[in-house]
Structure formats: structure tokens, C-alpha cells
Amino acid sequence: MEDLVYRLRKRAEIRRQIPTRKSVQDNQPDRLSDLLEEAANEIERLININAGIDRNTDNKEYSMGTEEGLNKFIQLRKKHENR
């Protein structure tokens, strides 16, 4: 499932960098890229809920805004999966 989340986000990133896309040329948001990221976020949220982790309410041992925080979050999630 994490592979799917990665692929959705990567595809959104690639779309936003294609210089021939009208939204890129006009410096406008790419609605499909936004939708891909929204889907990735929702899948990730559901994975976390299924793993018993809600990053909005669980112990804040991590900050998702940093690479270190992301790594701590992944470790915490693995600990929950091994229960």
C-alpha cells in the first residue's frame, strides 16, 4: 500500500514539472495532481488508522514536518504493526 501512496505522490510531482502542461506554463495549480496527492493522503490516513495510529491525536513523539520526525513516525507505526 505504501508503494501506491509513493507512486501517486511521484506522479503528481512529475505532472507539475512537465513544462508543456498549460497549468505549468500559466503557473496555475494542476487539479489532477492535487487529486492524486489528496488520494495518497487519504490512503495513508486509512493505513494509519488501521495500524492504530492517528497522527492528529496520538502521542506527539514526532513531527511530520521534518525527515527526523517522519523516521520517528515510521518507527512508531512499525511498533504498532508488531503488536
N, C-alpha and C. Protein backbone atom coordinates (compact mmCIF):
# COMPACT_ATOMS: atom_id res chain seq x y z
N MET A 1 0.82 -1.20 0.00
CA MET A 1 0.00 0.00 0.00
C MET A 1 0.87 1.26 0.00
N GLU A 2 2.00 1.19 0.74
CA GLU A 2 2.88 2.35 0.77
C GLU A 2 3.44 2.64 -0.62
N ASP A 3 3.63 1.58 -1.42
CA ASP A 3 4.12 1.76 -2.78
C ASP A 3 3.10 2.55 -3.60
N LEU A 4 1.83 2.28 -3.40
CA LEU A 4 0.78 3.01 -4.11
C LEU A 4 0.79 4.49 -3.71
N VAL A 5 0.92 4.75 -2.42
CA VAL A 5 0.98 6.13 -1.94
C VAL A 5 2.18 6.84 -2.57
N TYR A 6 3.32 6.18 -2.59
CA TYR A 6 4.52 6.77 -3.20
C TYR A 6 4.30 7.06 -4.68
N ARG A 7 3.71 6.10 -5.40
CA ARG A 7 3.50 6.28 -6.83
C ARG A 7 2.52 7.41 -7.13
N LEU A 8 1.48 7.54 -6.33
CA LEU A 8 0.52 8.65 -6.52
C LEU A 8 1.22 9.99 -6.33
N ARG A 9 2.01 10.10 -5.25
CA ARG A 9 2.72 11.36 -4.99
C ARG A 9 3.77 11.65 -6.06
N LYS A 10 4.47 10.61 -6.50
CA LYS A 10 5.51 10.79 -7.53
C LYS A 10 4.87 11.25 -8.85
N ARG A 11 3.74 10.66 -9.20
CA ARG A 11 3.06 11.04 -10.44
C ARG A 11 2.60 12.50 -10.38
N ALA A 12 2.08 12.91 -9.22
CA ALA A 12 1.67 14.30 -9.05
C ALA A 12 2.87 15.23 -9.21
N GLU A 13 4.00 14.84 -8.62
CA GLU A 13 5.22 15.65 -8.73
C GLU A 13 5.68 15.76 -10.18
N ILE A 14 5.65 14.63 -10.89
CA ILE A 14 6.08 14.63 -12.29
C ILE A 14 5.17 15.52 -13.14
N ARG A 15 3.85 15.40 -12.94
CA ARG A 15 2.91 16.23 -13.72
C ARG A 15 3.19 17.71 -13.53
N ARG A 16 3.51 18.08 -12.31
CA ARG A 16 3.74 19.50 -12.02
C ARG A 16 5.03 20.04 -12.62
N GLN A 17 5.89 19.16 -13.10
CA GLN A 17 7.17 19.58 -13.65
C GLN A 17 7.23 19.51 -15.17
N ILE A 18 6.16 19.09 -15.82
CA ILE A 18 6.16 18.97 -17.28
C ILE A 18 5.96 20.37 -17.87
N PRO A 19 7.00 20.89 -18.53
CA PRO A 19 6.95 22.28 -18.98
C PRO A 19 5.90 22.58 -20.05
N THR A 20 5.43 21.55 -20.77
CA THR A 20 4.44 21.79 -21.82
C THR A 20 3.01 21.81 -21.30
N ARG A 21 2.82 21.48 -20.04
CA ARG A 21 1.47 21.48 -19.46
C ARG A 21 0.99 22.93 -19.30
N LYS A 22 -0.24 23.17 -19.68
CA LYS A 22 -0.78 24.53 -19.62
C LYS A 22 -0.77 25.08 -18.20
N SER A 23 -1.12 24.24 -17.23
CA SER A 23 -1.13 24.72 -15.84
C SER A 23 0.27 25.13 -15.39
N VAL A 24 1.30 24.42 -15.86
CA VAL A 24 2.68 24.77 -15.52
C VAL A 24 3.05 26.09 -16.20
N GLN A 25 2.71 26.21 -17.47
CA GLN A 25 3.03 27.44 -18.22
C GLN A 25 2.33 28.65 -17.62
N ASP A 26 1.09 28.47 -17.16
CA ASP A 26 0.31 29.58 -16.60
C ASP A 26 0.52 29.73 -15.09
N ASN A 27 1.43 28.91 -14.53
CA ASN A 27 1.71 28.95 -13.09
C ASN A 27 0.43 28.77 -12.27
N GLN A 28 -0.40 27.83 -12.72
CA GLN A 28 -1.67 27.52 -12.07
C GLN A 28 -1.59 26.15 -11.41
N PRO A 29 -2.43 25.88 -10.42
CA PRO A 29 -2.43 24.54 -9.82
C PRO A 29 -2.91 23.49 -10.82
N ASP A 30 -2.36 22.31 -10.70
CA ASP A 30 -2.78 21.18 -11.54
C ASP A 30 -3.81 20.41 -10.73
N ARG A 31 -5.05 20.46 -11.15
CA ARG A 31 -6.13 19.85 -10.37
C ARG A 31 -5.98 18.34 -10.26
N LEU A 32 -5.51 17.70 -11.30
CA LEU A 32 -5.34 16.25 -11.23
C LEU A 32 -4.20 15.90 -10.27
N SER A 33 -3.12 16.65 -10.30
CA SER A 33 -2.03 16.43 -9.34
C SER A 33 -2.52 16.62 -7.91
N ASP A 34 -3.33 17.64 -7.71
CA ASP A 34 -3.90 17.87 -6.38
C ASP A 34 -4.75 16.69 -5.94
N LEU A 35 -5.53 16.15 -6.88
CA LEU A 35 -6.38 15.00 -6.59
C LEU A 35 -5.54 13.75 -6.28
N LEU A 36 -4.46 13.55 -7.02
CA LEU A 36 -3.57 12.43 -6.75
C LEU A 36 -2.98 12.51 -5.35
N GLU A 37 -2.56 13.70 -4.96
CA GLU A 37 -2.00 13.88 -3.62
C GLU A 37 -3.06 13.71 -2.54
N GLU A 38 -4.26 14.20 -2.82
CA GLU A 38 -5.35 14.03 -1.87
C GLU A 38 -5.65 12.55 -1.66
N ALA A 39 -5.65 11.79 -2.74
CA ALA A 39 -5.89 10.35 -2.64
C ALA A 39 -4.77 9.67 -1.85
N ALA A 40 -3.54 10.05 -2.11
CA ALA A 40 -2.40 9.48 -1.38
C ALA A 40 -2.51 9.79 0.11
N ASN A 41 -2.88 11.01 0.44
CA ASN A 41 -3.04 11.40 1.85
C ASN A 41 -4.14 10.59 2.52
N GLU A 42 -5.24 10.39 1.82
CA GLU A 42 -6.36 9.65 2.39
C GLU A 42 -5.99 8.17 2.59
N ILE A 43 -5.31 7.59 1.62
CA ILE A 43 -4.87 6.20 1.76
C ILE A 43 -3.93 6.07 2.94
N GLU A 44 -2.99 7.01 3.05
CA GLU A 44 -2.05 6.98 4.17
C GLU A 44 -2.78 7.14 5.51
N ARG A 45 -3.77 8.01 5.55
CA ARG A 45 -4.56 8.20 6.77
C ARG A 45 -5.27 6.90 7.15
N LEU A 46 -5.86 6.24 6.17
CA LEU A 46 -6.57 4.98 6.44
C LEU A 46 -5.61 3.88 6.88
N ILE A 47 -4.43 3.84 6.31
CA ILE A 47 -3.42 2.87 6.73
C ILE A 47 -3.07 3.12 8.19
N ASN A 48 -2.89 4.37 8.54
CA ASN A 48 -2.52 4.72 9.92
C ASN A 48 -3.64 4.37 10.89
N ILE A 49 -4.86 4.64 10.51
CA ILE A 49 -5.99 4.30 11.38
C ILE A 49 -6.06 2.79 11.56
N ASN A 50 -5.87 2.05 10.47
CA ASN A 50 -5.89 0.59 10.54
C ASN A 50 -4.76 0.07 11.43
N ALA A 51 -3.63 0.79 11.43
CA ALA A 51 -2.49 0.39 12.27
C ALA A 51 -2.66 0.88 13.70
N GLY A 52 -3.75 1.60 13.97
CA GLY A 52 -3.99 2.09 15.31
C GLY A 52 -3.29 3.40 15.60
N ILE A 53 -2.90 4.12 14.56
CA ILE A 53 -2.18 5.38 14.73
C ILE A 53 -3.01 6.49 14.12
N ASP A 54 -3.26 7.52 14.89
CA ASP A 54 -3.89 8.73 14.36
C ASP A 54 -2.93 9.86 14.64
N ARG A 55 -2.24 10.34 13.62
CA ARG A 55 -1.20 11.33 13.85
C ARG A 55 -1.76 12.67 14.33
N ASN A 56 -3.07 12.82 14.31
CA ASN A 56 -3.66 14.05 14.83
C ASN A 56 -3.88 13.97 16.33
N THR A 57 -3.97 12.75 16.89
CA THR A 57 -4.27 12.63 18.32
C THR A 57 -3.28 11.78 19.08
N ASP A 58 -2.48 10.97 18.40
CA ASP A 58 -1.54 10.09 19.11
C ASP A 58 -0.43 10.90 19.76
N ASN A 59 0.31 10.21 20.58
CA ASN A 59 1.47 10.77 21.25
C ASN A 59 2.34 11.51 20.23
N LYS A 60 2.66 12.74 20.52
CA LYS A 60 3.44 13.54 19.58
C LYS A 60 4.93 13.35 19.80
N GLU A 61 5.40 12.12 19.57
CA GLU A 61 6.83 11.83 19.65
C GLU A 61 7.53 12.20 18.35
N TYR A 62 6.82 12.75 17.42
CA TYR A 62 7.36 13.03 16.10
C TYR A 62 6.73 14.29 15.53
N SER A 63 7.40 14.87 14.56
CA SER A 63 6.86 16.00 13.81
C SER A 63 6.96 15.63 12.35
N MET A 64 5.82 15.52 11.66
CA MET A 64 5.82 15.09 10.26
C MET A 64 6.47 16.13 9.34
N GLY A 65 6.79 17.29 9.87
CA GLY A 65 7.37 18.33 9.04
C GLY A 65 8.87 18.19 8.84
N THR A 66 9.50 17.20 9.47
CA THR A 66 10.93 17.01 9.33
C THR A 66 11.23 15.57 8.95
N GLU A 67 12.39 15.36 8.35
CA GLU A 67 12.78 14.00 7.98
C GLU A 67 12.96 13.15 9.25
N GLU A 68 13.55 13.74 10.28
CA GLU A 68 13.72 13.03 11.54
C GLU A 68 12.36 12.65 12.13
N GLY A 69 11.42 13.57 12.07
CA GLY A 69 10.08 13.29 12.58
C GLY A 69 9.40 12.20 11.78
N LEU A 70 9.57 12.22 10.47
CA LEU A 70 8.99 11.18 9.62
C LEU A 70 9.57 9.81 9.99
N ASN A 71 10.89 9.77 10.20
CA ASN A 71 11.53 8.50 10.57
C ASN A 71 11.02 8.00 11.91
N LYS A 72 10.82 8.91 12.88
CA LYS A 72 10.27 8.51 14.18
C LYS A 72 8.84 8.01 14.01
N PHE A 73 8.07 8.66 13.15
CA PHE A 73 6.69 8.24 12.89
C PHE A 73 6.67 6.83 12.30
N ILE A 74 7.56 6.56 11.35
CA ILE A 74 7.62 5.24 10.71
C ILE A 74 7.98 4.18 11.76
N GLN A 75 8.94 4.49 12.64
CA GLN A 75 9.31 3.56 13.70
C GLN A 75 8.13 3.30 14.63
N LEU A 76 7.41 4.36 14.99
CA LEU A 76 6.24 4.22 15.86
C LEU A 76 5.19 3.35 15.20
N ARG A 77 4.97 3.57 13.91
CA ARG A 77 3.97 2.79 13.18
C ARG A 77 4.37 1.32 13.11
N LYS A 78 5.66 1.05 12.89
CA LYS A 78 6.13 -0.34 12.85
C LYS A 78 5.92 -1.01 14.21
N LYS A 79 6.14 -0.23 15.28
CA LYS A 79 5.94 -0.78 16.62
C LYS A 79 4.47 -1.17 16.81
N HIS A 80 3.55 -0.33 16.31
CA HIS A 80 2.13 -0.64 16.40
C HIS A 80 1.76 -1.85 15.55
N GLU A 81 2.39 -1.99 14.38
CA GLU A 81 2.09 -3.13 13.49
C GLU A 81 2.53 -4.45 14.11
N ASN A 82 3.58 -4.41 14.93
CA ASN A 82 4.12 -5.64 15.51
C ASN A 82 3.37 -6.07 16.77
N ARG A 83 2.36 -5.36 17.16
CA ARG A 83 1.58 -5.74 18.35
C ARG A 83 0.79 -7.01 18.12
